[in-house]
Amino acid sequence: MQNEELTLTLLRKAEVIESQKSIADELGISVGKVNYVLKALIEKGLIKADNFYKAKNKRKYKYLLTQKGIEEKITLTKKFIERKKAEYEELQMELIRNNQKR
């Protein structure tokens, strides 16, 4: 998974992440990588992490998108859609070329 795609995925799932381990398992990447990217997103001001000070599990956090995070999510989503459209069009052209050779 490319960094931009991972960033978009974490921005999309930020508010429903139960734990870094659960998201790492879901995405098939290491917890360390999830932690690294989440910290970078926090430093950039794209997400905010609040821990539940009354909770028994002090390591549990709630991740919230900031306004800047919402804007970045929109930008990355547009880029992702453009990239997928280009891939689709390339595959369509390849199919047409292969059918013409037959």
PDB file of N, CA and C in Angstrom:
ATOM      1  N   MET A   1       0.845  -1.177   0.000  1.00  0.00           N
ATOM      2  CA  MET A   1       0.000   0.000   0.000  1.00  0.00           C
ATOM      3  C   MET A   1       0.890   1.240   0.000  1.00  0.00           C
ATOM      4  N   GLN A   2       0.642   2.129  -0.957  1.00  0.00           N
ATOM      5  CA  GLN A   2       1.437   3.348  -1.056  1.00  0.00           C
ATOM      6  C   GLN A   2       1.087   4.299   0.083  1.00  0.00           C
ATOM      7  N   ASN A   3       2.022   5.187   0.414  1.00  0.00           N
ATOM      8  CA  ASN A   3       1.809   6.111   1.532  1.00  0.00           C
ATOM      9  C   ASN A   3       0.579   6.989   1.353  1.00  0.00           C
ATOM     10  N   GLU A   4       0.376   7.506   0.147  1.00  0.00           N
ATOM     11  CA  GLU A   4      -0.779   8.367  -0.098  1.00  0.00           C
ATOM     12  C   GLU A   4      -2.080   7.587   0.089  1.00  0.00           C
ATOM     13  N   GLU A   5      -2.078   6.342  -0.381  1.00  0.00           N
ATOM     14  CA  GLU A   5      -3.257   5.499  -0.241  1.00  0.00           C
ATOM     15  C   GLU A   5      -3.486   5.123   1.230  1.00  0.00           C
ATOM     16  N   LEU A   6      -2.397   4.852   1.951  1.00  0.00           N
ATOM     17  CA  LEU A   6      -2.500   4.547   3.383  1.00  0.00           C
ATOM     18  C   LEU A   6      -3.003   5.762   4.148  1.00  0.00           C
ATOM     19  N   THR A   7      -2.502   6.934   3.807  1.00  0.00           N
ATOM     20  CA  THR A   7      -2.958   8.162   4.446  1.00  0.00           C
ATOM     21  C   THR A   7      -4.452   8.349   4.228  1.00  0.00           C
ATOM     22  N   LEU A   8      -4.903   8.165   2.989  1.00  0.00           N
ATOM     23  CA  LEU A   8      -6.326   8.303   2.683  1.00  0.00           C
ATOM     24  C   LEU A   8      -7.142   7.287   3.478  1.00  0.00           C
ATOM     25  N   THR A   9      -6.679   6.059   3.530  1.00  0.00           N
ATOM     26  CA  THR A   9      -7.393   5.014   4.274  1.00  0.00           C
ATOM     27  C   THR A   9      -7.508   5.378   5.742  1.00  0.00           C
ATOM     28  N   LEU A  10      -6.420   5.844   6.341  1.00  0.00           N
ATOM     29  CA  LEU A  10      -6.470   6.214   7.754  1.00  0.00           C
ATOM     30  C   LEU A  10      -7.347   7.434   7.984  1.00  0.00           C
ATOM     31  N   LEU A  11      -7.343   8.385   7.056  1.00  0.00           N
ATOM     32  CA  LEU A  11      -8.231   9.541   7.185  1.00  0.00           C
ATOM     33  C   LEU A  11      -9.695   9.104   7.073  1.00  0.00           C
ATOM     34  N   ARG A  12      -9.966   8.156   6.185  1.00  0.00           N
ATOM     35  CA  ARG A  12     -11.335   7.665   6.016  1.00  0.00           C
ATOM     36  C   ARG A  12     -11.817   6.893   7.238  1.00  0.00           C
ATOM     37  N   LYS A  13     -10.900   6.165   7.881  1.00  0.00           N
ATOM     38  CA  LYS A  13     -11.280   5.305   8.997  1.00  0.00           C
ATOM     39  C   LYS A  13     -10.968   5.899  10.364  1.00  0.00           C
ATOM     40  N   ALA A  14     -10.413   7.094  10.399  1.00  0.00           N
ATOM     41  CA  ALA A  14      -9.912   7.679  11.648  1.00  0.00           C
ATOM     42  C   ALA A  14     -10.916   7.623  12.790  1.00  0.00           C
ATOM     43  N   GLU A  15     -12.123   7.977  12.512  1.00  0.00           N
ATOM     44  CA  GLU A  15     -13.101   8.108  13.588  1.00  0.00           C
ATOM     45  C   GLU A  15     -13.703   6.783  14.036  1.00  0.00           C
ATOM     46  N   VAL A  16     -13.368   5.684  13.348  1.00  0.00           N
ATOM     47  CA  VAL A  16     -13.893   4.371  13.751  1.00  0.00           C
ATOM     48  C   VAL A  16     -12.783   3.393  14.145  1.00  0.00           C
ATOM     49  N   ILE A  17     -11.552   3.874  14.213  1.00  0.00           N
ATOM     50  CA  ILE A  17     -10.439   3.009  14.603  1.00  0.00           C
ATOM     51  C   ILE A  17     -10.622   2.597  16.057  1.00  0.00           C
ATOM     52  N   GLU A  18     -10.693   1.284  16.284  1.00  0.00           N
ATOM     53  CA  GLU A  18     -10.817   0.779  17.653  1.00  0.00           C
ATOM     54  C   GLU A  18      -9.450   0.705  18.317  1.00  0.00           C
ATOM     55  N   SER A  19      -8.457   0.290  17.554  1.00  0.00           N
ATOM     56  CA  SER A  19      -7.087   0.227  18.054  1.00  0.00           C
ATOM     57  C   SER A  19      -6.149   0.218  16.858  1.00  0.00           C
ATOM     58  N   GLN A  20      -4.900   0.572  17.112  1.00  0.00           N
ATOM     59  CA  GLN A  20      -3.924   0.541  16.026  1.00  0.00           C
ATOM     60  C   GLN A  20      -3.719  -0.893  15.542  1.00  0.00           C
ATOM     61  N   LYS A  21      -3.791  -1.849  16.440  1.00  0.00           N
ATOM     62  CA  LYS A  21      -3.623  -3.250  16.060  1.00  0.00           C
ATOM     63  C   LYS A  21      -4.761  -3.703  15.154  1.00  0.00           C
ATOM     64  N   SER A  22      -5.981  -3.316  15.484  1.00  0.00           N
ATOM     65  CA  SER A  22      -7.119  -3.743  14.663  1.00  0.00           C
ATOM     66  C   SER A  22      -7.022  -3.168  13.249  1.00  0.00           C
ATOM     67  N   ILE A  23      -6.626  -1.910  13.132  1.00  0.00           N
ATOM     68  CA  ILE A  23      -6.513  -1.305  11.802  1.00  0.00           C
ATOM     69  C   ILE A  23      -5.326  -1.903  11.041  1.00  0.00           C
ATOM     70  N   ALA A  24      -4.245  -2.206  11.755  1.00  0.00           N
ATOM     71  CA  ALA A  24      -3.088  -2.842  11.120  1.00  0.00           C
ATOM     72  C   ALA A  24      -3.470  -4.218  10.572  1.00  0.00           C
ATOM     73  N   ASP A  25      -4.201  -4.980  11.367  1.00  0.00           N
ATOM     74  CA  ASP A  25      -4.642  -6.308  10.917  1.00  0.00           C
ATOM     75  C   ASP A  25      -5.561  -6.196   9.703  1.00  0.00           C
ATOM     76  N   GLU A  26      -6.467  -5.246   9.752  1.00  0.00           N
ATOM     77  CA  GLU A  26      -7.410  -5.048   8.646  1.00  0.00           C
ATOM     78  C   GLU A  26      -6.690  -4.681   7.348  1.00  0.00           C
ATOM     79  N   LEU A  27      -5.651  -3.859   7.456  1.00  0.00           N
ATOM     80  CA  LEU A  27      -4.937  -3.389   6.266  1.00  0.00           C
ATOM     81  C   LEU A  27      -3.772  -4.283   5.872  1.00  0.00           C
ATOM     82  N   GLY A  28      -3.412  -5.231   6.750  1.00  0.00           N
ATOM     83  CA  GLY A  28      -2.305  -6.135   6.448  1.00  0.00           C
ATOM     84  C   GLY A  28      -0.948  -5.459   6.535  1.00  0.00           C
ATOM     85  N   ILE A  29      -0.809  -4.518   7.458  1.00  0.00           N
ATOM     86  CA  ILE A  29       0.468  -3.841   7.665  1.00  0.00           C
ATOM     87  C   ILE A  29       0.829  -3.915   9.148  1.00  0.00           C
ATOM     88  N   SER A  30       2.018  -3.459   9.487  1.00  0.00           N
ATOM     89  CA  SER A  30       2.461  -3.544  10.881  1.00  0.00           C
ATOM     90  C   SER A  30       1.832  -2.438  11.734  1.00  0.00           C
ATOM     91  N   VAL A  31       1.734  -2.728  13.021  1.00  0.00           N
ATOM     92  CA  VAL A  31       1.242  -1.730  13.973  1.00  0.00           C
ATOM     93  C   VAL A  31       2.182  -0.533  13.992  1.00  0.00           C
ATOM     94  N   GLY A  32       3.475  -0.789  13.861  1.00  0.00           N
ATOM     95  CA  GLY A  32       4.462   0.289  13.841  1.00  0.00           C
ATOM     96  C   GLY A  32       4.218   1.259  12.703  1.00  0.00           C
ATOM     97  N   LYS A  33       3.869   0.732  11.536  1.00  0.00           N
ATOM     98  CA  LYS A  33       3.602   1.598  10.386  1.00  0.00           C
ATOM     99  C   LYS A  33       2.341   2.424  10.627  1.00  0.00           C
ATOM    100  N   VAL A  34       1.305   1.793  11.179  1.00  0.00           N
ATOM    101  CA  VAL A  34       0.081   2.530  11.502  1.00  0.00           C
ATOM    102  C   VAL A  34       0.402   3.642  12.493  1.00  0.00           C
ATOM    103  N   ASN A  35       1.153   3.314  13.527  1.00  0.00           N
ATOM    104  CA  ASN A  35       1.532   4.284  14.548  1.00  0.00           C
ATOM    105  C   ASN A  35       2.305   5.440  13.939  1.00  0.00           C
ATOM    106  N   TYR A  36       3.265   5.120  13.081  1.00  0.00           N
ATOM    107  CA  TYR A  36       4.106   6.127  12.432  1.00  0.00           C
ATOM    108  C   TYR A  36       3.256   7.089  11.601  1.00  0.00           C
ATOM    109  N   VAL A  37       2.346   6.536  10.799  1.00  0.00           N
ATOM    110  CA  VAL A  37       1.524   7.377   9.926  1.00  0.00           C
ATOM    111  C   VAL A  37       0.529   8.202  10.757  1.00  0.00           C
ATOM    112  N   LEU A  38      -0.074   7.590  11.779  1.00  0.00           N
ATOM    113  CA  LEU A  38      -1.000   8.340  12.629  1.00  0.00           C
ATOM    114  C   LEU A  38      -0.297   9.508  13.320  1.00  0.00           C
ATOM    115  N   LYS A  39       0.913   9.256  13.822  1.00  0.00           N
ATOM    116  CA  LYS A  39       1.672  10.346  14.457  1.00  0.00           C
ATOM    117  C   LYS A  39       1.961  11.464  13.463  1.00  0.00           C
ATOM    118  N   ALA A  40       2.314  11.089  12.235  1.00  0.00           N
ATOM    119  CA  ALA A  40       2.587  12.094  11.204  1.00  0.00           C
ATOM    120  C   ALA A  40       1.327  12.903  10.891  1.00  0.00           C
ATOM    121  N   LEU A  41       0.179  12.226  10.848  1.00  0.00           N
ATOM    122  CA  LEU A  41      -1.084  12.924  10.573  1.00  0.00           C
ATOM    123  C   LEU A  41      -1.444  13.869  11.713  1.00  0.00           C
ATOM    124  N   ILE A  42      -1.133  13.464  12.931  1.00  0.00           N
ATOM    125  CA  ILE A  42      -1.374  14.333  14.087  1.00  0.00           C
ATOM    126  C   ILE A  42      -0.458  15.549  14.017  1.00  0.00           C
ATOM    127  N   GLU A  43       0.837  15.321  13.715  1.00  0.00           N
ATOM    128  CA  GLU A  43       1.802  16.427  13.616  1.00  0.00           C
ATOM    129  C   GLU A  43       1.423  17.418  12.517  1.00  0.00           C
ATOM    130  N   LYS A  44       0.853  16.910  11.420  1.00  0.00           N
ATOM    131  CA  LYS A  44       0.436  17.782  10.318  1.00  0.00           C
ATOM    132  C   LYS A  44      -0.870  18.507  10.624  1.00  0.00           C
ATOM    133  N   GLY A  45      -1.520  18.113  11.714  1.00  0.00           N
ATOM    134  CA  GLY A  45      -2.778  18.750  12.087  1.00  0.00           C
ATOM    135  C   GLY A  45      -3.974  18.212  11.334  1.00  0.00           C
ATOM    136  N   LEU A  46      -3.842  17.011  10.755  1.00  0.00           N
ATOM    137  CA  LEU A  46      -4.944  16.434   9.986  1.00  0.00           C
ATOM    138  C   LEU A  46      -5.910  15.647  10.866  1.00  0.00           C
ATOM    139  N   ILE A  47      -5.392  15.062  11.935  1.00  0.00           N
ATOM    140  CA  ILE A  47      -6.248  14.392  12.903  1.00  0.00           C
ATOM    141  C   ILE A  47      -5.819  14.797  14.296  1.00  0.00           C
ATOM    142  N   LYS A  48      -6.710  14.571  15.212  1.00  0.00           N
ATOM    143  CA  LYS A  48      -6.463  14.894  16.604  1.00  0.00           C
ATOM    144  C   LYS A  48      -6.757  13.623  17.394  1.00  0.00           C
ATOM    145  N   ALA A  49      -5.931  13.335  18.391  1.00  0.00           N
ATOM    146  CA  ALA A  49      -6.118  12.132  19.200  1.00  0.00           C
ATOM    147  C   ALA A  49      -6.501  12.538  20.615  1.00  0.00           C
ATOM    148  N   ASP A  50      -7.589  12.000  21.075  1.00  0.00           N
ATOM    149  CA  ASP A  50      -8.028  12.232  22.453  1.00  0.00           C
ATOM    150  C   ASP A  50      -8.070  10.887  23.162  1.00  0.00           C
ATOM    151  N   ASN A  51      -7.433  10.814  24.327  1.00  0.00           N
ATOM    152  CA  ASN A  51      -7.571   9.571  25.078  1.00  0.00           C
ATOM    153  C   ASN A  51      -8.695   9.750  26.092  1.00  0.00           C
ATOM    154  N   PHE A  52      -9.260   8.644  26.475  1.00  0.00           N
ATOM    155  CA  PHE A  52     -10.368   8.671  27.418  1.00  0.00           C
ATOM    156  C   PHE A  52      -9.792   8.628  28.817  1.00  0.00           C
ATOM    157  N   TYR A  53      -9.681   9.790  29.452  1.00  0.00           N
ATOM    158  CA  TYR A  53      -9.022   9.853  30.751  1.00  0.00           C
ATOM    159  C   TYR A  53      -9.790   9.087  31.829  1.00  0.00           C
ATOM    160  N   LYS A  54     -11.072   8.852  31.638  1.00  0.00           N
ATOM    161  CA  LYS A  54     -11.845   8.086  32.611  1.00  0.00           C
ATOM    162  C   LYS A  54     -11.838   6.592  32.298  1.00  0.00           C
ATOM    163  N   ALA A  55     -11.369   6.221  31.131  1.00  0.00           N
ATOM    164  CA  ALA A  55     -11.384   4.817  30.727  1.00  0.00           C
ATOM    165  C   ALA A  55     -10.348   4.015  31.495  1.00  0.00           C
ATOM    166  N   LYS A  56     -10.632   2.736  31.661  1.00  0.00           N
ATOM    167  CA  LYS A  56      -9.683   1.838  32.341  1.00  0.00           C
ATOM    168  C   LYS A  56      -8.452   1.609  31.475  1.00  0.00           C
ATOM    169  N   ASN A  57      -8.654   1.514  30.163  1.00  0.00           N
ATOM    170  CA  ASN A  57      -7.552   1.293  29.233  1.00  0.00           C
ATOM    171  C   ASN A  57      -7.027   2.658  28.784  1.00  0.00           C
ATOM    172  N   LYS A  58      -5.956   3.115  29.397  1.00  0.00           N
ATOM    173  CA  LYS A  58      -5.415   4.450  29.112  1.00  0.00           C
ATOM    174  C   LYS A  58      -4.759   4.545  27.736  1.00  0.00           C
ATOM    175  N   ARG A  59      -4.505   3.395  27.101  1.00  0.00           N
ATOM    176  CA  ARG A  59      -3.869   3.427  25.784  1.00  0.00           C
ATOM    177  C   ARG A  59      -4.883   3.601  24.663  1.00  0.00           C
ATOM    178  N   LYS A  60      -6.155   3.602  24.968  1.00  0.00           N
ATOM    179  CA  LYS A  60      -7.182   3.716  23.944  1.00  0.00           C
ATOM    180  C   LYS A  60      -7.390   5.190  23.578  1.00  0.00           C
ATOM    181  N   TYR A  61      -7.406   5.462  22.295  1.00  0.00           N
ATOM    182  CA  TYR A  61      -7.574   6.827  21.799  1.00  0.00           C
ATOM    183  C   TYR A  61      -8.766   6.907  20.867  1.00  0.00           C
ATOM    184  N   LYS A  62      -9.312   8.072  20.765  1.00  0.00           N
ATOM    185  CA  LYS A  62     -10.336   8.384  19.779  1.00  0.00           C
ATOM    186  C   LYS A  62      -9.689   9.350  18.806  1.00  0.00           C
ATOM    187  N   TYR A  63      -9.701   9.010  17.529  1.00  0.00           N
ATOM    188  CA  TYR A  63      -9.100   9.866  16.520  1.00  0.00           C
ATOM    189  C   TYR A  63     -10.200  10.670  15.834  1.00  0.00           C
ATOM    190  N   LEU A  64      -9.966  11.960  15.712  1.00  0.00           N
ATOM    191  CA  LEU A  64     -10.939  12.859  15.104  1.00  0.00           C
ATOM    192  C   LEU A  64     -10.289  13.631  13.970  1.00  0.00           C
ATOM    193  N   LEU A  65     -11.004  13.750  12.868  1.00  0.00           N
ATOM    194  CA  LEU A  65     -10.513  14.557  11.752  1.00  0.00           C
ATOM    195  C   LEU A  65     -10.656  16.033  12.082  1.00  0.00           C
ATOM    196  N   THR A  66      -9.637  16.786  11.752  1.00  0.00           N
ATOM    197  CA  THR A  66      -9.718  18.238  11.871  1.00  0.00           C
ATOM    198  C   THR A  66     -10.271  18.786  10.558  1.00  0.00           C
ATOM    199  N   GLN A  67     -10.550  20.069  10.506  1.00  0.00           N
ATOM    200  CA  GLN A  67     -11.002  20.678   9.257  1.00  0.00           C
ATOM    201  C   GLN A  67      -9.951  20.488   8.171  1.00  0.00           C
ATOM    202  N   LYS A  68      -8.707  20.667   8.541  1.00  0.00           N
ATOM    203  CA  LYS A  68      -7.595  20.459   7.606  1.00  0.00           C
ATOM    204  C   LYS A  68      -7.568  19.002   7.137  1.00  0.00           C
ATOM    205  N   GLY A  69      -7.867  18.075   8.042  1.00  0.00           N
ATOM    206  CA  GLY A  69      -7.915  16.653   7.703  1.00  0.00           C
ATOM    207  C   GLY A  69      -9.028  16.334   6.726  1.00  0.00           C
ATOM    208  N   ILE A  70     -10.167  16.975   6.913  1.00  0.00           N
ATOM    209  CA  ILE A  70     -11.298  16.778   5.992  1.00  0.00           C
ATOM    210  C   ILE A  70     -10.927  17.271   4.597  1.00  0.00           C
ATOM    211  N   GLU A  71     -10.276  18.428   4.533  1.00  0.00           N
ATOM    212  CA  GLU A  71      -9.852  18.976   3.243  1.00  0.00           C
ATOM    213  C   GLU A  71      -8.830  18.062   2.567  1.00  0.00           C
ATOM    214  N   GLU A  72      -7.885  17.528   3.345  1.00  0.00           N
ATOM    215  CA  GLU A  72      -6.877  16.616   2.787  1.00  0.00           C
ATOM    216  C   GLU A  72      -7.528  15.324   2.312  1.00  0.00           C
ATOM    217  N   LYS A  73      -8.502  14.842   3.054  1.00  0.00           N
ATOM    218  CA  LYS A  73      -9.226  13.628   2.673  1.00  0.00           C
ATOM    219  C   LYS A  73      -9.920  13.828   1.326  1.00  0.00           C
ATOM    220  N   ILE A  74     -10.525  14.987   1.131  1.00  0.00           N
ATOM    221  CA  ILE A  74     -11.193  15.302  -0.139  1.00  0.00           C
ATOM    222  C   ILE A  74     -10.174  15.357  -1.274  1.00  0.00           C
ATOM    223  N   THR A  75      -9.044  16.033  -1.030  1.00  0.00           N
ATOM    224  CA  THR A  75      -7.996  16.148  -2.047  1.00  0.00           C
ATOM    225  C   THR A  75      -7.456  14.777  -2.434  1.00  0.00           C
ATOM    226  N   LEU A  76      -7.144  13.942  -1.434  1.00  0.00           N
ATOM    227  CA  LEU A  76      -6.602  12.611  -1.713  1.00  0.00           C
ATOM    228  C   LEU A  76      -7.632  11.716  -2.389  1.00  0.00           C
ATOM    229  N   THR A  77      -8.900  11.886  -2.048  1.00  0.00           N
ATOM    230  CA  THR A  77      -9.958  11.100  -2.688  1.00  0.00           C
ATOM    231  C   THR A  77     -10.060  11.455  -4.160  1.00  0.00           C
ATOM    232  N   LYS A  78      -9.987  12.745  -4.465  1.00  0.00           N
ATOM    233  CA  LYS A  78     -10.028  13.173  -5.872  1.00  0.00           C
ATOM    234  C   LYS A  78      -8.850  12.597  -6.645  1.00  0.00           C
ATOM    235  N   LYS A  79      -7.649  12.645  -6.054  1.00  0.00           N
ATOM    236  CA  LYS A  79      -6.458  12.082  -6.715  1.00  0.00           C
ATOM    237  C   LYS A  79      -6.625  10.579  -6.943  1.00  0.00           C
ATOM    238  N   PHE A  80      -7.149   9.888  -5.926  1.00  0.00           N
ATOM    239  CA  PHE A  80      -7.350   8.444  -6.017  1.00  0.00           C
ATOM    240  C   PHE A  80      -8.316   8.118  -7.153  1.00  0.00           C
ATOM    241  N   ILE A  81      -9.415   8.851  -7.242  1.00  0.00           N
ATOM    242  CA  ILE A  81     -10.405   8.614  -8.302  1.00  0.00           C
ATOM    243  C   ILE A  81      -9.792   8.881  -9.673  1.00  0.00           C
ATOM    244  N   GLU A  82      -9.031   9.958  -9.801  1.00  0.00           N
ATOM    245  CA  GLU A  82      -8.379  10.268 -11.081  1.00  0.00           C
ATOM    246  C   GLU A  82      -7.413   9.153 -11.488  1.00  0.00           C
ATOM    247  N   ARG A  83      -6.641   8.654 -10.514  1.00  0.00           N
ATOM    248  CA  ARG A  83      -5.681   7.582 -10.791  1.00  0.00           C
ATOM    249  C   ARG A  83      -6.407   6.308 -11.230  1.00  0.00           C
ATOM    250  N   LYS A  84      -7.496   5.975 -10.553  1.00  0.00           N
ATOM    251  CA  LYS A  84      -8.254   4.764 -10.896  1.00  0.00           C
ATOM    252  C   LYS A  84      -8.944   4.907 -12.248  1.00  0.00           C
ATOM    253  N   LYS A  85      -9.426   6.107 -12.571  1.00  0.00           N
ATOM    254  CA  LYS A  85     -10.036   6.335 -13.882  1.00  0.00           C
ATOM    255  C   LYS A  85      -8.996   6.155 -14.979  1.00  0.00           C
ATOM    256  N   ALA A  86      -7.794   6.670 -14.756  1.00  0.00           N
ATOM    257  CA  ALA A  86      -6.721   6.533 -15.746  1.00  0.00           C
ATOM    258  C   ALA A  86      -6.362   5.059 -15.929  1.00  0.00           C
ATOM    259  N   GLU A  87      -6.282   4.318 -14.828  1.00  0.00           N
ATOM    260  CA  GLU A  87      -5.996   2.876 -14.917  1.00  0.00           C
ATOM    261  C   GLU A  87      -7.090   2.158 -15.688  1.00  0.00           C
ATOM    262  N   TYR A  88      -8.345   2.514 -15.424  1.00  0.00           N
ATOM    263  CA  TYR A  88      -9.477   1.902 -16.110  1.00  0.00           C
ATOM    264  C   TYR A  88      -9.416   2.175 -17.614  1.00  0.00           C
ATOM    265  N   GLU A  89      -9.157   3.429 -17.964  1.00  0.00           N
ATOM    266  CA  GLU A  89      -9.081   3.791 -19.383  1.00  0.00           C
ATOM    267  C   GLU A  89      -7.929   3.074 -20.073  1.00  0.00           C
ATOM    268  N   GLU A  90      -6.807   2.929 -19.368  1.00  0.00           N
ATOM    269  CA  GLU A  90      -5.662   2.205 -19.925  1.00  0.00           C
ATOM    270  C   GLU A  90      -6.020   0.740 -20.165  1.00  0.00           C
ATOM    271  N   LEU A  91      -6.718   0.127 -19.229  1.00  0.00           N
ATOM    272  CA  LEU A  91      -7.144  -1.266 -19.398  1.00  0.00           C
ATOM    273  C   LEU A  91      -8.137  -1.413 -20.544  1.00  0.00           C
ATOM    274  N   GLN A  92      -9.037  -0.439 -20.680  1.00  0.00           N
ATOM    275  CA  GLN A  92      -9.995  -0.469 -21.786  1.00  0.00           C
ATOM    276  C   GLN A  92      -9.279  -0.427 -23.125  1.00  0.00           C
ATOM    277  N   MET A  93      -8.281   0.452 -23.226  1.00  0.00           N
ATOM    278  CA  MET A  93      -7.513   0.562 -24.465  1.00  0.00           C
ATOM    279  C   MET A  93      -6.754  -0.735 -24.754  1.00  0.00           C
ATOM    280  N   GLU A  94      -6.213  -1.337 -23.719  1.00  0.00           N
ATOM    281  CA  GLU A  94      -5.495  -2.604 -23.877  1.00  0.00           C
ATOM    282  C   GLU A  94      -6.442  -3.700 -24.373  1.00  0.00           C
ATOM    283  N   LEU A  95      -7.648  -3.744 -23.840  1.00  0.00           N
ATOM    284  CA  LEU A  95      -8.637  -4.723 -24.299  1.00  0.00           C
ATOM    285  C   LEU A  95      -8.997  -4.496 -25.763  1.00  0.00           C
ATOM    286  N   ILE A  96      -9.172  -3.247 -26.144  1.00  0.00           N
ATOM    287  CA  ILE A  96      -9.497  -2.922 -27.532  1.00  0.00           C
ATOM    288  C   ILE A  96      -8.373  -3.353 -28.451  1.00  0.00           C
ATOM    289  N   ARG A  97      -7.117  -3.061 -28.064  1.00  0.00           N
ATOM    290  CA  ARG A  97      -5.965  -3.454 -28.890  1.00  0.00           C
ATOM    291  C   ARG A  97      -5.879  -4.976 -29.013  1.00  0.00           C
ATOM    292  N   ASN A  98      -6.098  -5.679 -27.923  1.00  0.00           N
ATOM    293  CA  ASN A  98      -6.034  -7.142 -27.950  1.00  0.00           C
ATOM    294  C   ASN A  98      -7.149  -7.733 -28.808  1.00  0.00           C
ATOM    295  N   ASN A  99      -8.327  -7.142 -28.769  1.00  0.00           N
ATOM    296  CA  ASN A  99      -9.443  -7.633 -29.587  1.00  0.00           C
ATOM    297  C   ASN A  99      -9.201  -7.359 -31.068  1.00  0.00           C
ATOM    298  N   GLN A 100      -8.523  -6.262 -31.400  1.00  0.00           N
ATOM    299  CA  GLN A 100      -8.244  -5.925 -32.788  1.00  0.00           C
ATOM    300  C   GLN A 100      -7.195  -6.864 -33.374  1.00  0.00           C
ATOM    301  N   LYS A 101      -6.307  -7.398 -32.541  1.00  0.00           N
ATOM    302  CA  LYS A 101      -5.265  -8.308 -33.019  1.00  0.00           C
ATOM    303  C   LYS A 101      -5.836  -9.671 -33.375  1.00  0.00           C
ATOM    304  N   ARG A 102      -6.954 -10.015 -32.838  1.00  0.00           N
ATOM    305  CA  ARG A 102      -7.561 -11.347 -33.068  1.00  0.00           C
ATOM    306  C   ARG A 102      -8.217 -11.396 -34.360  1.00  0.00           C
TER     307      ARG A 102
END
